[in-house]
C-alpha atoms as a PDB file:
ATOM      1  CA  MET A   1     -30.724 -89.447 -41.454  1.00  0.00           C
ATOM      2  CA  SER A   2     -29.653 -91.557 -38.492  1.00  0.00           C
ATOM      3  CA  GLU A   3     -26.932 -90.327 -36.139  1.00  0.00           C
ATOM      4  CA  VAL A   4     -23.479 -91.865 -36.571  1.00  0.00           C
ATOM      5  CA  ARG A   5     -22.331 -93.601 -33.391  1.00  0.00           C
ATOM      6  CA  GLN A   6     -19.370 -95.515 -34.771  1.00  0.00           C
ATOM      7  CA  ARG A   7     -17.182 -95.726 -37.878  1.00  0.00           C
ATOM      8  CA  TRP A   8     -15.479 -98.968 -38.874  1.00  0.00           C
ATOM      9  CA  ARG A   9     -12.781 -99.261 -41.519  1.00  0.00           C
ATOM     10  CA  ILE A  10     -13.254-102.583 -43.290  1.00  0.00           C
ATOM     11  CA  VAL A  11     -10.382-104.277 -45.125  1.00  0.00           C
ATOM     12  CA  PHE A  12     -11.729-106.799 -47.629  1.00  0.00           C
ATOM     13  CA  ALA A  13     -10.757-108.987 -50.580  1.00  0.00           C
ATOM     14  CA  ARG A  14     -12.563-109.625 -53.882  1.00  0.00           C
ATOM     15  CA  GLY A  15     -12.245-113.055 -55.499  1.00  0.00           C
ATOM     16  CA  GLU A  16     -13.136-114.771 -58.753  1.00  0.00           C
ATOM     17  CA  GLU A  17     -16.905-114.886 -58.135  1.00  0.00           C
ATOM     18  CA  ALA A  18     -17.140-111.099 -57.999  1.00  0.00           C
ATOM     19  CA  ARG A  19     -14.425-109.953 -60.413  1.00  0.00           C
ATOM     20  CA  TYR A  20     -16.945-108.910 -63.109  1.00  0.00           C
ATOM     21  CA  LEU A  21     -19.389-107.310 -60.672  1.00  0.00           C
ATOM     22  CA  SER A  22     -19.974-103.598 -61.297  1.00  0.00           C
ATOM     23  CA  HIS A  23     -19.406-101.103 -58.498  1.00  0.00           C
ATOM     24  CA  LEU A  24     -23.159-100.399 -58.214  1.00  0.00           C
ATOM     25  CA  ASP A  25     -23.989-104.109 -57.980  1.00  0.00           C
ATOM     26  CA  ALA A  26     -21.290-104.523 -55.339  1.00  0.00           C
ATOM     27  CA  ILE A  27     -22.862-101.789 -53.207  1.00  0.00           C
ATOM     28  CA  LYS A  28     -26.258-103.492 -53.467  1.00  0.00           C
ATOM     29  CA  GLY A  29     -24.709-106.797 -52.412  1.00  0.00           C
ATOM     30  CA  TRP A  30     -23.133-105.225 -49.333  1.00  0.00           C
ATOM     31  CA  GLU A  31     -26.422-103.550 -48.388  1.00  0.00           C
ATOM     32  CA  ARG A  32     -28.156-106.939 -48.543  1.00  0.00           C
ATOM     33  CA  ALA A  33     -25.448-108.282 -46.227  1.00  0.00           C
ATOM     34  CA  PHE A  34     -26.233-105.520 -43.721  1.00  0.00           C
ATOM     35  CA  ARG A  35     -29.912-106.453 -43.724  1.00  0.00           C
ATOM     36  CA  ARG A  36     -29.201-110.178 -43.344  1.00  0.00           C
ATOM     37  CA  GLY A  37     -26.812-109.555 -40.470  1.00  0.00           C
ATOM     38  CA  ASP A  38     -29.139-107.035 -38.787  1.00  0.00           C
ATOM     39  CA  ILE A  39     -26.340-104.464 -38.774  1.00  0.00           C
ATOM     40  CA  PRO A  40     -27.481-101.045 -37.436  1.00  0.00           C
ATOM     41  CA  ILE A  41     -25.977 -99.016 -40.273  1.00  0.00           C
ATOM     42  CA  ALA A  42     -26.471 -95.251 -40.383  1.00  0.00           C
ATOM     43  CA  THR A  43     -28.364 -93.845 -43.370  1.00  0.00           C
ATOM     44  CA  THR A  44     -28.241 -90.702 -45.487  1.00  0.00           C
ATOM     45  CA  GLU A  45     -30.856 -87.957 -45.754  1.00  0.00           C
ATOM     46  CA  GLY A  46     -33.422 -87.563 -48.529  1.00  0.00           C
ATOM     47  CA  PHE A  47     -36.450 -89.359 -49.976  1.00  0.00           C
ATOM     48  CA  SER A  48     -34.396 -92.500 -50.662  1.00  0.00           C
ATOM     49  CA  PRO A  49     -32.057 -92.972 -47.690  1.00  0.00           C
ATOM     50  CA  ARG A  50     -28.975 -95.082 -48.458  1.00  0.00           C
ATOM     51  CA  SER A  51     -26.673 -96.994 -46.187  1.00  0.00           C
ATOM     52  CA  LYS A  52     -23.584 -95.025 -45.172  1.00  0.00           C
ATOM     53  CA  LEU A  53     -20.963 -97.276 -46.707  1.00  0.00           C
ATOM     54  CA  VAL A  54     -18.095 -95.480 -48.443  1.00  0.00           C
ATOM     55  CA  PHE A  55     -15.604 -97.372 -50.627  1.00  0.00           C
ATOM     56  CA  ALA A  56     -12.114 -95.912 -50.958  1.00  0.00           C
ATOM     57  CA  ALA A  57     -11.952 -96.467 -54.731  1.00  0.00           C
ATOM     58  CA  PRO A  58     -13.985 -98.475 -57.261  1.00  0.00           C
ATOM     59  CA  LEU A  59     -12.375-101.558 -58.793  1.00  0.00           C
ATOM     60  CA  GLN A  60     -12.110-102.036 -62.541  1.00  0.00           C
ATOM     61  CA  LEU A  61     -14.099-104.921 -63.990  1.00  0.00           C
ATOM     62  CA  GLY A  62     -12.037-108.106 -64.146  1.00  0.00           C
ATOM     63  CA  MET A  63      -9.783-107.016 -61.284  1.00  0.00           C
ATOM     64  CA  LEU A  64      -9.192-109.198 -58.223  1.00  0.00           C
ATOM     65  CA  ALA A  65      -8.312-107.504 -54.933  1.00  0.00           C
ATOM     66  CA  GLU A  66      -6.553-108.430 -51.704  1.00  0.00           C
ATOM     67  CA  ARG A  67      -6.787-105.389 -49.390  1.00  0.00           C
ATOM     68  CA  GLU A  68      -9.581-103.000 -50.372  1.00  0.00           C
ATOM     69  CA  LEU A  69     -10.873-100.343 -47.981  1.00  0.00           C
ATOM     70  CA  ALA A  70     -14.373 -99.186 -47.075  1.00  0.00           C
ATOM     71  CA  ASP A  71     -15.770 -97.114 -44.197  1.00  0.00           C
ATOM     72  CA  LEU A  72     -18.955 -98.354 -42.545  1.00  0.00           C
ATOM     73  CA  PHE A  73     -20.927 -95.887 -40.378  1.00  0.00           C
ATOM     74  CA  LEU A  74     -23.130 -97.381 -37.645  1.00  0.00           C
ATOM     75  CA  ALA A  75     -26.109 -95.948 -35.785  1.00  0.00           C
ATOM     76  CA  GLU A  76     -25.273 -98.158 -32.784  1.00  0.00           C
ATOM     77  CA  ARG A  77     -21.930 -99.278 -31.409  1.00  0.00           C
ATOM     78  CA  LEU A  78     -20.805-102.863 -32.007  1.00  0.00           C
ATOM     79  CA  THR A  79     -17.731-104.768 -30.897  1.00  0.00           C
ATOM     80  CA  SER A  80     -15.326-106.088 -33.502  1.00  0.00           C
ATOM     81  CA  PRO A  81     -16.270-109.781 -32.954  1.00  0.00           C
ATOM     82  CA  ASP A  82     -19.987-108.939 -33.128  1.00  0.00           C
ATOM     83  CA  LEU A  83     -19.662-106.923 -36.357  1.00  0.00           C
ATOM     84  CA  ARG A  84     -17.450-109.558 -37.975  1.00  0.00           C
ATOM     85  CA  ALA A  85     -19.951-112.299 -37.137  1.00  0.00           C
ATOM     86  CA  ARG A  86     -22.876-110.300 -38.513  1.00  0.00           C
ATOM     87  CA  LEU A  87     -21.019-109.498 -41.729  1.00  0.00           C
ATOM     88  CA  SER A  88     -19.981-113.119 -42.217  1.00  0.00           C
ATOM     89  CA  ALA A  89     -23.626-114.174 -42.065  1.00  0.00           C
ATOM     90  CA  GLY A  90     -24.450-112.509 -45.372  1.00  0.00           C
ATOM     91  CA  MET A  91     -21.335-111.350 -47.228  1.00  0.00           C
ATOM     92  CA  PRO A  92     -21.797-111.080 -51.025  1.00  0.00           C
ATOM     93  CA  ASN A  93     -20.343-113.996 -52.994  1.00  0.00           C
ATOM     94  CA  GLY A  94     -16.717-113.364 -53.847  1.00  0.00           C
ATOM     95  CA  TYR A  95     -16.052-110.958 -50.976  1.00  0.00           C
ATOM     96  CA  ARG A  96     -14.156-111.719 -47.765  1.00  0.00           C
ATOM     97  CA  VAL A  97     -13.405-109.553 -44.720  1.00  0.00           C
ATOM     98  CA  VAL A  98      -9.647-109.432 -44.092  1.00  0.00           C
ATOM     99  CA  GLY A  99      -9.638-107.050 -41.128  1.00  0.00           C
ATOM    100  CA  MET A 100     -11.378-104.109 -39.479  1.00  0.00           C
ATOM    101  CA  HIS A 101     -10.666-101.373 -36.985  1.00  0.00           C
ATOM    102  CA  ASP A 102     -12.587 -98.580 -35.287  1.00  0.00           C
ATOM    103  CA  VAL A 103     -11.747 -95.059 -36.536  1.00  0.00           C
ATOM    104  CA  TRP A 104     -12.813 -91.608 -35.382  1.00  0.00           C
ATOM    105  CA  SER A 105     -16.168 -90.768 -36.956  1.00  0.00           C
ATOM    106  CA  GLY A 106     -15.014 -87.219 -37.716  1.00  0.00           C
ATOM    107  CA  ALA A 107     -11.847 -88.262 -39.568  1.00  0.00           C
ATOM    108  CA  PRO A 108     -11.367 -87.018 -43.163  1.00  0.00           C
ATOM    109  CA  ALA A 109     -13.183 -88.878 -45.937  1.00  0.00           C
ATOM    110  CA  LEU A 110     -11.458 -92.103 -46.883  1.00  0.00           C
ATOM    111  CA  ALA A 111     -11.055 -91.252 -50.577  1.00  0.00           C
ATOM    112  CA  THR A 112      -9.252 -87.984 -49.779  1.00  0.00           C
ATOM    113  CA  GLN A 113      -6.594 -89.901 -47.834  1.00  0.00           C
ATOM    114  CA  LEU A 114      -5.659 -92.237 -50.706  1.00  0.00           C
ATOM    115  CA  VAL A 115      -2.275 -91.605 -52.303  1.00  0.00           C
ATOM    116  CA  ALA A 116      -1.320 -94.819 -54.148  1.00  0.00           C
ATOM    117  CA  ALA A 117      -2.373 -98.320 -55.189  1.00  0.00           C
ATOM    118  CA  ASP A 118      -0.306-101.458 -55.893  1.00  0.00           C
ATOM    119  CA  TYR A 119      -1.134-103.869 -58.745  1.00  0.00           C
ATOM    120  CA  ARG A 120       0.305-107.112 -60.063  1.00  0.00           C
ATOM    121  CA  MET A 121      -0.486-109.220 -63.129  1.00  0.00           C
ATOM    122  CA  THR A 122       1.055-111.527 -65.702  1.00  0.00           C
ATOM    123  CA  LEU A 123       1.481-110.400 -69.311  1.00  0.00           C
ATOM    124  CA  LEU A 124       1.351-113.050 -72.026  1.00  0.00           C
ATOM    125  CA  ASN A 125       3.005-113.156 -75.481  1.00  0.00           C
ATOM    126  CA  VAL A 126       6.058-111.213 -74.350  1.00  0.00           C
ATOM    127  CA  GLU A 127       9.571-112.179 -73.290  1.00  0.00           C
ATOM    128  CA  HIS A 128      10.770-111.246 -69.825  1.00  0.00           C
ATOM    129  CA  ASP A 129      13.821-109.280 -71.013  1.00  0.00           C
ATOM    130  CA  ALA A 130      11.855-107.351 -73.638  1.00  0.00           C
ATOM    131  CA  LEU A 131       9.211-106.363 -71.102  1.00  0.00           C
ATOM    132  CA  ARG A 132      11.836-105.335 -68.560  1.00  0.00           C
ATOM    133  CA  ALA A 133      13.569-103.120 -71.125  1.00  0.00           C
ATOM    134  CA  ALA A 134      10.241-101.492 -72.050  1.00  0.00           C
ATOM    135  CA  ALA A 135       9.443-100.908 -68.359  1.00  0.00           C
ATOM    136  CA  GLU A 136      12.844 -99.295 -67.821  1.00  0.00           C
ATOM    137  CA  ARG A 137      12.218 -96.943 -70.748  1.00  0.00           C
ATOM    138  CA  LEU A 138       8.895 -95.867 -69.251  1.00  0.00           C
ATOM    139  CA  MET A 139      10.464 -95.169 -65.864  1.00  0.00           C
ATOM    140  CA  ALA A 140      13.354 -93.246 -67.451  1.00  0.00           C
ATOM    141  CA  ALA A 141      11.039 -91.045 -69.556  1.00  0.00           C
ATOM    142  CA  GLU A 142      10.416 -87.440 -68.536  1.00  0.00           C
ATOM    143  CA  ARG A 143       6.919 -87.482 -70.049  1.00  0.00           C
ATOM    144  CA  LEU A 144       4.511 -90.167 -71.294  1.00  0.00           C
ATOM    145  CA  PRO A 145       1.764 -88.357 -73.271  1.00  0.00           C
ATOM    146  CA  ARG A 146      -1.395 -90.452 -73.564  1.00  0.00           C
ATOM    147  CA  LEU A 147      -5.039 -90.091 -74.539  1.00  0.00           C
ATOM    148  CA  ARG A 148      -7.740 -91.259 -72.157  1.00  0.00           C
ATOM    149  CA  ARG A 149     -11.207 -91.942 -73.552  1.00  0.00           C
ATOM    150  CA  LYS A 150     -14.046 -90.813 -71.321  1.00  0.00           C
ATOM    151  CA  GLU A 151     -17.533 -91.316 -72.754  1.00  0.00           C
ATOM    152  CA  SER A 152     -17.620 -89.357 -76.046  1.00  0.00           C
ATOM    153  CA  ARG A 153     -14.463 -87.297 -75.540  1.00  0.00           C
ATOM    154  CA  SER A 154     -10.723 -87.866 -75.305  1.00  0.00           C
ATOM    155  CA  ILE A 155      -8.462 -86.248 -72.721  1.00  0.00           C
ATOM    156  CA  THR A 156      -4.723 -85.737 -73.194  1.00  0.00           C
ATOM    157  CA  TYR A 157      -2.662 -86.354 -70.063  1.00  0.00           C
ATOM    158  CA  ASP A 158       0.850 -87.294 -68.908  1.00  0.00           C
ATOM    159  CA  LEU A 159       1.056 -90.830 -67.522  1.00  0.00           C
ATOM    160  CA  ARG A 160       4.585 -90.440 -66.138  1.00  0.00           C
ATOM    161  CA  PRO A 161       3.817 -88.599 -62.842  1.00  0.00           C
ATOM    162  CA  LEU A 162       1.094 -91.175 -62.133  1.00  0.00           C
ATOM    163  CA  LEU A 163       3.574 -94.071 -62.459  1.00  0.00           C
ATOM    164  CA  LEU A 164       5.482 -94.308 -59.166  1.00  0.00           C
ATOM    165  CA  GLU A 165       7.137 -97.731 -59.533  1.00  0.00           C
ATOM    166  CA  LEU A 166       7.231-100.445 -62.202  1.00  0.00           C
ATOM    167  CA  ARG A 167       8.925-103.841 -61.913  1.00  0.00           C
ATOM    168  CA  VAL A 168       9.081-106.980 -64.064  1.00  0.00           C
ATOM    169  CA  GLY A 169       9.280-110.338 -62.328  1.00  0.00           C
ATOM    170  CA  ALA A 170       8.527-114.023 -62.597  1.00  0.00           C
ATOM    171  CA  PRO A 171       5.605-115.370 -64.674  1.00  0.00           C
ATOM    172  CA  ASP A 172       2.306-116.575 -63.261  1.00  0.00           C
ATOM    173  CA  ALA A 173       2.903-119.512 -60.914  1.00  0.00           C
ATOM    174  CA  ASP A 174      -0.041-121.527 -62.285  1.00  0.00           C
ATOM    175  CA  THR A 175       0.823-121.304 -65.981  1.00  0.00           C
ATOM    176  CA  GLY A 176       4.544-120.611 -65.957  1.00  0.00           C
ATOM    177  CA  ALA A 177       3.986-118.435 -69.032  1.00  0.00           C
ATOM    178  CA  GLY A 178       4.562-114.786 -69.807  1.00  0.00           C
ATOM    179  CA  ALA A 179       6.212-112.290 -67.470  1.00  0.00           C
ATOM    180  CA  GLY A 180       5.097-110.856 -64.150  1.00  0.00           C
ATOM    181  CA  LEU A 181       4.423-107.128 -63.800  1.00  0.00           C
ATOM    182  CA  TRP A 182       4.099-105.110 -60.571  1.00  0.00           C
ATOM    183  CA  MET A 183       3.318-101.414 -60.373  1.00  0.00           C
ATOM    184  CA  ARG A 184       2.547 -98.673 -57.879  1.00  0.00           C
ATOM    185  CA  LEU A 185       0.342 -95.909 -59.246  1.00  0.00           C
ATOM    186  CA  ARG A 186      -0.567 -92.551 -57.799  1.00  0.00           C
ATOM    187  CA  HIS A 187      -4.151 -92.294 -56.598  1.00  0.00           C
ATOM    188  CA  SER A 188      -5.302 -88.776 -55.807  1.00  0.00           C
ATOM    189  CA  GLN A 189      -8.579 -86.881 -56.079  1.00  0.00           C
ATOM    190  CA  ASN A 190      -6.720 -83.628 -56.721  1.00  0.00           C
ATOM    191  CA  ASP A 191      -3.643 -84.690 -58.717  1.00  0.00           C
ATOM    192  CA  GLY A 192      -5.047 -87.534 -60.800  1.00  0.00           C
ATOM    193  CA  SER A 193      -4.915 -91.315 -60.581  1.00  0.00           C
ATOM    194  CA  GLY A 194      -3.103 -93.865 -62.707  1.00  0.00           C
ATOM    195  CA  ARG A 195      -4.806 -96.936 -64.182  1.00  0.00           C
ATOM    196  CA  PRO A 196      -3.053-100.252 -64.781  1.00  0.00           C
ATOM    197  CA  ASP A 197      -4.620-100.708 -68.216  1.00  0.00           C
ATOM    198  CA  GLU A 198      -3.026 -97.441 -69.334  1.00  0.00           C
ATOM    199  CA  VAL A 199       0.395 -98.617 -68.168  1.00  0.00           C
ATOM    200  CA  VAL A 200      -0.104-101.868 -70.097  1.00  0.00           C
ATOM    201  CA  ALA A 201      -1.093 -99.852 -73.196  1.00  0.00           C
ATOM    202  CA  ALA A 202       2.078 -97.744 -72.870  1.00  0.00           C
ATOM    203  CA  LEU A 203       4.173-100.915 -72.588  1.00  0.00           C
ATOM    204  CA  ALA A 204       2.434-102.335 -75.660  1.00  0.00           C
ATOM    205  CA  ASP A 205       3.371 -99.198 -77.616  1.00  0.00           C
ATOM    206  CA  GLU A 206       6.990 -99.626 -76.561  1.00  0.00           C
ATOM    207  CA  LEU A 207       6.907-103.249 -77.744  1.00  0.00           C
ATOM    208  CA  GLY A 208       5.060-102.544 -80.997  1.00  0.00           C
ATOM    209  CA  MET A 209       2.083-104.603 -79.839  1.00  0.00           C
ATOM    210  CA  ARG A 210      -1.607-104.113 -79.190  1.00  0.00           C
ATOM    211  CA  THR A 211      -3.667-104.906 -76.102  1.00  0.00           C
ATOM    212  CA  VAL A 212      -6.702-107.149 -75.680  1.00  0.00           C
ATOM    213  CA  PRO A 213      -9.955-105.804 -74.129  1.00  0.00           C
ATOM    214  CA  THR A 214     -11.164-107.606 -71.025  1.00  0.00           C
ATOM    215  CA  PRO A 215     -14.381-109.594 -71.737  1.00  0.00           C
ATOM    216  CA  GLY A 216     -17.437-107.791 -70.389  1.00  0.00           C
ATOM    217  CA  ALA A 217     -15.599-104.545 -69.688  1.00  0.00           C
ATOM    218  CA  SER A 218     -16.185-101.122 -71.225  1.00  0.00           C
ATOM    219  CA  ASP A 219     -13.469 -98.769 -72.442  1.00  0.00           C
ATOM    220  CA  ASP A 220     -13.908 -96.662 -69.337  1.00  0.00           C
ATOM    221  CA  GLU A 221     -13.451 -99.404 -66.754  1.00  0.00           C
ATOM    222  CA  GLY A 222     -11.940-102.544 -68.254  1.00  0.00           C
ATOM    223  CA  LEU A 223      -8.352-103.660 -67.837  1.00  0.00           C
ATOM    224  CA  GLY A 224      -6.375-104.125 -71.020  1.00  0.00           C
ATOM    225  CA  THR A 225      -8.284-101.764 -73.317  1.00  0.00           C
ATOM    226  CA  VAL A 226      -6.442 -99.592 -75.823  1.00  0.00           C
ATOM    227  CA  SER A 227      -6.616 -96.067 -74.398  1.00  0.00           C
ATOM    228  CA  ALA A 228      -5.928 -93.989 -77.511  1.00  0.00           C
ATOM    229  CA  GLU A 229      -7.467 -93.519 -80.936  1.00  0.00           C
ATOM    230  CA  ALA A 230      -5.021 -90.874 -82.178  1.00  0.00           C
ATOM    231  CA  PRO A 231      -1.213 -91.228 -82.197  1.00  0.00           C
ATOM    232  CA  THR A 232       0.472 -91.254 -78.787  1.00  0.00           C
ATOM    233  CA  GLN A 233       4.189 -91.181 -78.039  1.00  0.00           C
ATOM    234  CA  SER A 234       6.559 -93.850 -76.851  1.00  0.00           C
ATOM    235  CA  ALA A 235       8.962 -93.228 -73.992  1.00  0.00           C
ATOM    236  CA  ALA A 236      11.589 -92.388 -76.596  1.00  0.00           C
ATOM    237  CA  GLY A 237       9.362 -89.611 -77.969  1.00  0.00           C
ATOM    238  CA  ARG A 238       8.410 -91.221 -81.261  1.00  0.00           C
ATOM    239  CA  ASP A 239       4.803 -91.191 -82.477  1.00  0.00           C
ATOM    240  CA  VAL A 240       3.011 -94.508 -82.035  1.00  0.00           C
ATOM    241  CA  ALA A 241      -0.365 -95.029 -83.677  1.00  0.00           C
ATOM    242  CA  ALA A 242      -2.814 -96.915 -81.484  1.00  0.00           C
ATOM    243  CA  PRO A 243      -4.069 -99.932 -83.476  1.00  0.00           C
ATOM    244  CA  SER A 244      -7.740 -99.987 -84.422  1.00  0.00           C
ATOM    245  CA  ALA A 245      -7.850-103.589 -85.634  1.00  0.00           C
ATOM    246  CA  PRO A 246      -6.161-106.820 -84.492  1.00  0.00           C
ATOM    247  CA  SER A 247      -2.774-107.310 -86.100  1.00  0.00           C
ATOM    248  CA  GLY A 248       0.187-109.380 -84.920  1.00  0.00           C
ATOM    249  CA  LEU A 249       0.676-110.441 -81.332  1.00  0.00           C
ATOM    250  CA  ALA A 250      -1.340-108.870 -78.526  1.00  0.00           C
ATOM    251  CA  LEU A 251      -0.069-108.062 -75.051  1.00  0.00           C
ATOM    252  CA  GLU A 252      -2.554-110.009 -72.956  1.00  0.00           C
ATOM    253  CA  VAL A 253      -3.270-109.549 -69.245  1.00  0.00           C
ATOM    254  CA  LEU A 254      -3.680-112.576 -66.980  1.00  0.00           C
ATOM    255  CA  ARG A 255      -5.138-112.413 -63.452  1.00  0.00           C
ATOM    256  CA  PRO A 256      -4.806-108.705 -62.609  1.00  0.00           C
ATOM    257  CA  VAL A 257      -4.841-108.044 -58.863  1.00  0.00           C
ATOM    258  CA  ARG A 258      -4.997-104.824 -56.870  1.00  0.00           C
ATOM    259  CA  GLU A 259      -2.809-105.786 -53.936  1.00  0.00           C
ATOM    260  CA  ARG A 260      -3.612-102.856 -51.675  1.00  0.00           C
ATOM    261  CA  LEU A 261      -4.526 -99.214 -51.348  1.00  0.00           C
ATOM    262  CA  TRP A 262      -2.192 -96.824 -49.540  1.00  0.00           C
ATOM    263  CA  LEU A 263      -3.289 -93.979 -47.305  1.00  0.00           C
ATOM    264  CA  ASP A 264      -1.201 -90.845 -46.912  1.00  0.00           C
ATOM    265  CA  GLU A 265      -0.243 -91.654 -43.330  1.00  0.00           C
ATOM    266  CA  GLU A 266       1.110 -95.047 -44.427  1.00  0.00           C
ATOM    267  CA  LEU A 267       3.440 -93.806 -47.178  1.00  0.00           C
ATOM    268  CA  THR A 268       4.452 -90.345 -45.926  1.00  0.00           C
ATOM    269  CA  PRO A 269       7.721 -90.567 -43.927  1.00  0.00           C
ATOM    270  CA  LYS A 270       7.273 -89.624 -40.295  1.00  0.00           C
ATOM    271  CA  PRO A 271       9.602 -86.928 -38.889  1.00  0.00           C
ATOM    272  CA  ALA A 272      12.333 -88.325 -36.685  1.00  0.00           C
ATOM    273  CA  GLY A 273      11.962 -87.634 -32.993  1.00  0.00           C
ATOM    274  CA  PRO A 274      14.657 -86.155 -30.731  1.00  0.00           C
ATOM    275  CA  VAL A 275      17.671 -88.370 -30.086  1.00  0.00           C
ATOM    276  CA  THR A 276      17.970 -89.363 -26.438  1.00  0.00           C
ATOM    277  CA  ARG A 277      21.515 -90.007 -25.276  1.00  0.00           C
ATOM    278  CA  ASN A 278      22.406 -92.596 -22.703  1.00  0.00           C
ATOM    279  CA  PRO A 279      24.759 -91.000 -20.102  1.00  0.00           C
ATOM    280  CA  ARG A 280      26.734 -94.250 -20.088  1.00  0.00           C
ATOM    281  CA  ASP A 281      27.694 -93.620 -23.723  1.00  0.00           C
ATOM    282  CA  ASP A 282      29.848 -90.684 -22.545  1.00  0.00           C
ATOM    283  CA  GLY A 283      32.028 -93.036 -20.560  1.00  0.00           C
END
């Protein structure tokens, strides 16, 4: 294992060319970029040393991104212009560096600092007012029981505490169709993380609709998959059977984007400092 001399926090975007790239393939693409740019990246211990690149959170297949986070550990110190130039020489297709800054190498792990993530998308086959009413019912609910499929088992959980904000807006600018949806979901290693496809599935239940799986995505990682095989409940508390076969209109997701990831220090209110009085204010 090589000694860590520097730790850079990379802010990057993922575009159309990489939206269906798996997390493992993305890591391999970044490692190739390090070799092409002759970047002195630190490595792990063991028989198969790996580059010390740590992503804050994997992206679901089919998801675009605007401000993702990753920590890059270097065995030699580099300046910001030098590192940016070396990265640009071999960045994987579909990825773009948005920003970077030097952080203390002994700081807590990036993933443990995550508290929330923002998403936006357009939903097709639904009227704006109907979607807004369904979103308001979700936000007003005390509980939103759901089933999450994970490999061969299903896990019951409450979606409501994972849903921090939910707003309905204008449709996609390119098509002018559907209705826009924006959400902020909790993202925590200890308290659970929300997924946008599960919010869409809950909205579909409220609207009496089904969802459409994303092409090329599995149940565990794709956006827009139905997340329950047994009955779930709507925000009003009524049982809603998850459809197993296409019937009627489907709530379809267009251009899902993860806008940004939030760290605890960015969302937690800072305590107010002491108030300093100006003697002139006393007359």
